[in-house]
Amino acid sequence: MFGLFKNNFDEQLRSEKDRLNSMSEKELLIEMILELKRIDQKCDDIARKIVIWSN
């Protein structure tokens, strides 16, 4: 069962790597900025939840 998940994860990782390799530097920078913004929003959500649960 877990072997199927690992194989699927490996395939997704490989396809993502191929996609990123085919991009130009500008496209990669844009992708990185967008991903950093998503991470920042998730961190803010987590911080809010921690404050709510700690009260």
N, C-alpha and C. Protein backbone atom coordinates (compact mmCIF):
# COMPACT_ATOMS: atom_id res chain seq x y z
N MET A 1 0.82 -1.19 0.00
CA MET A 1 0.00 0.00 0.00
C MET A 1 0.87 1.26 0.00
N PHE A 2 1.85 1.31 0.90
CA PHE A 2 2.70 2.50 0.98
C PHE A 2 3.63 2.60 -0.23
N GLY A 3 3.94 1.46 -0.83
CA GLY A 3 4.77 1.48 -2.03
C GLY A 3 4.09 2.23 -3.15
N LEU A 4 2.77 2.09 -3.27
CA LEU A 4 2.01 2.81 -4.30
C LEU A 4 2.09 4.31 -4.07
N PHE A 5 1.94 4.74 -2.81
CA PHE A 5 2.04 6.17 -2.49
C PHE A 5 3.44 6.69 -2.80
N LYS A 6 4.46 5.92 -2.47
CA LYS A 6 5.84 6.34 -2.72
C LYS A 6 6.09 6.46 -4.21
N ASN A 7 5.62 5.50 -4.98
CA ASN A 7 5.80 5.55 -6.43
C ASN A 7 5.07 6.75 -7.03
N ASN A 8 3.87 7.02 -6.54
CA ASN A 8 3.10 8.16 -7.02
C ASN A 8 3.80 9.46 -6.65
N PHE A 9 4.31 9.54 -5.42
CA PHE A 9 5.03 10.73 -4.98
C PHE A 9 6.29 10.94 -5.82
N ASP A 10 7.02 9.85 -6.09
CA ASP A 10 8.23 9.95 -6.90
C ASP A 10 7.90 10.44 -8.30
N GLU A 11 6.81 9.97 -8.87
CA GLU A 11 6.40 10.38 -10.21
C GLU A 11 6.00 11.85 -10.23
N GLN A 12 5.27 12.30 -9.20
CA GLN A 12 4.89 13.71 -9.11
C GLN A 12 6.12 14.59 -8.95
N LEU A 13 7.07 14.15 -8.14
CA LEU A 13 8.30 14.90 -7.93
C LEU A 13 9.08 15.02 -9.24
N ARG A 14 9.17 13.92 -9.96
CA ARG A 14 9.88 13.92 -11.24
C ARG A 14 9.22 14.85 -12.25
N SER A 15 7.89 14.82 -12.33
CA SER A 15 7.19 15.68 -13.29
C SER A 15 7.31 17.15 -12.90
N GLU A 16 7.27 17.44 -11.59
CA GLU A 16 7.45 18.82 -11.13
C GLU A 16 8.86 19.31 -11.46
N LYS A 17 9.84 18.45 -11.26
CA LYS A 17 11.22 18.80 -11.57
C LYS A 17 11.39 19.09 -13.07
N ASP A 18 10.78 18.26 -13.90
CA ASP A 18 10.84 18.48 -15.35
C ASP A 18 10.18 19.80 -15.74
N ARG A 19 9.04 20.09 -15.10
CA ARG A 19 8.34 21.34 -15.39
C ARG A 19 9.19 22.55 -15.03
N LEU A 20 9.83 22.49 -13.87
CA LEU A 20 10.67 23.61 -13.43
C LEU A 20 11.92 23.75 -14.31
N ASN A 21 12.47 22.64 -14.75
CA ASN A 21 13.64 22.69 -15.62
C ASN A 21 13.34 23.32 -16.96
N SER A 22 12.10 23.24 -17.40
CA SER A 22 11.74 23.79 -18.71
C SER A 22 11.42 25.28 -18.65
N MET A 23 11.37 25.86 -17.47
CA MET A 23 11.00 27.27 -17.32
C MET A 23 12.22 28.17 -17.48
N SER A 24 11.94 29.41 -17.85
CA SER A 24 13.00 30.41 -17.90
C SER A 24 13.28 30.91 -16.49
N GLU A 25 14.36 31.66 -16.34
CA GLU A 25 14.71 32.19 -15.01
C GLU A 25 13.62 33.12 -14.47
N LYS A 26 13.07 33.93 -15.35
CA LYS A 26 12.02 34.86 -14.92
C LYS A 26 10.79 34.10 -14.43
N GLU A 27 10.40 33.08 -15.16
CA GLU A 27 9.25 32.27 -14.74
C GLU A 27 9.52 31.59 -13.41
N LEU A 28 10.74 31.11 -13.21
CA LEU A 28 11.09 30.48 -11.94
C LEU A 28 11.02 31.46 -10.78
N LEU A 29 11.50 32.67 -11.00
CA LEU A 29 11.45 33.69 -9.95
C LEU A 29 10.00 34.02 -9.59
N ILE A 30 9.14 34.11 -10.59
CA ILE A 30 7.73 34.38 -10.34
C ILE A 30 7.10 33.25 -9.55
N GLU A 31 7.39 32.01 -9.93
CA GLU A 31 6.89 30.85 -9.19
C GLU A 31 7.36 30.87 -7.74
N MET A 32 8.62 31.22 -7.53
CA MET A 32 9.16 31.26 -6.17
C MET A 32 8.47 32.34 -5.34
N ILE A 33 8.25 33.50 -5.93
CA ILE A 33 7.58 34.58 -5.20
C ILE A 33 6.16 34.18 -4.82
N LEU A 34 5.44 33.59 -5.76
CA LEU A 34 4.08 33.15 -5.48
C LEU A 34 4.04 32.09 -4.39
N GLU A 35 4.98 31.16 -4.45
CA GLU A 35 5.04 30.11 -3.43
C GLU A 35 5.38 30.69 -2.05
N LEU A 36 6.29 31.66 -2.01
CA LEU A 36 6.63 32.30 -0.74
C LEU A 36 5.43 33.05 -0.16
N LYS A 37 4.63 33.66 -1.02
CA LYS A 37 3.42 34.34 -0.54
C LYS A 37 2.43 33.34 0.04
N ARG A 38 2.29 32.18 -0.61
CA ARG A 38 1.39 31.13 -0.10
C ARG A 38 1.88 30.64 1.26
N ILE A 39 3.18 30.45 1.39
CA ILE A 39 3.75 30.00 2.66
C ILE A 39 3.52 31.04 3.75
N ASP A 40 3.69 32.31 3.41
CA ASP A 40 3.48 33.39 4.37
C ASP A 40 2.04 33.40 4.86
N GLN A 41 1.09 33.21 3.95
CA GLN A 41 -0.31 33.18 4.35
C GLN A 41 -0.60 31.98 5.25
N LYS A 42 -0.02 30.84 4.94
CA LYS A 42 -0.22 29.66 5.78
C LYS A 42 0.36 29.88 7.17
N CYS A 43 1.52 30.53 7.24
CA CYS A 43 2.13 30.82 8.54
C CYS A 43 1.25 31.75 9.35
N ASP A 44 0.67 32.74 8.70
CA ASP A 44 -0.25 33.65 9.39
C ASP A 44 -1.47 32.90 9.92
N ASP A 45 -2.01 31.99 9.10
CA ASP A 45 -3.15 31.19 9.55
C ASP A 45 -2.79 30.34 10.76
N ILE A 46 -1.63 29.72 10.73
CA ILE A 46 -1.18 28.89 11.85
C ILE A 46 -1.00 29.73 13.10
N ALA A 47 -0.41 30.91 12.96
CA ALA A 47 -0.21 31.79 14.11
C ALA A 47 -1.54 32.19 14.72
N ARG A 48 -2.53 32.48 13.88
CA ARG A 48 -3.86 32.84 14.39
C ARG A 48 -4.48 31.68 15.15
N LYS A 49 -4.34 30.48 14.61
CA LYS A 49 -4.91 29.31 15.27
C LYS A 49 -4.24 29.05 16.60
N ILE A 50 -2.94 29.26 16.67
CA ILE A 50 -2.21 29.07 17.92
C ILE A 50 -2.71 30.06 18.98
N VAL A 51 -2.92 31.29 18.58
CA VAL A 51 -3.41 32.30 19.53
C VAL A 51 -4.81 31.93 20.01
N ILE A 52 -5.66 31.49 19.09
CA ILE A 52 -7.03 31.13 19.47
C ILE A 52 -7.02 29.95 20.43
N TRP A 53 -6.23 28.92 20.13
CA TRP A 53 -6.20 27.73 20.99
C TRP A 53 -5.50 28.00 22.33
N SER A 54 -4.60 28.96 22.36
CA SER A 54 -3.90 29.21 23.61
C SER A 54 -4.74 30.04 24.58
N ASN A 55 -5.73 30.73 24.04
CA ASN A 55 -6.62 31.53 24.91
C ASN A 55 -7.57 30.62 25.54
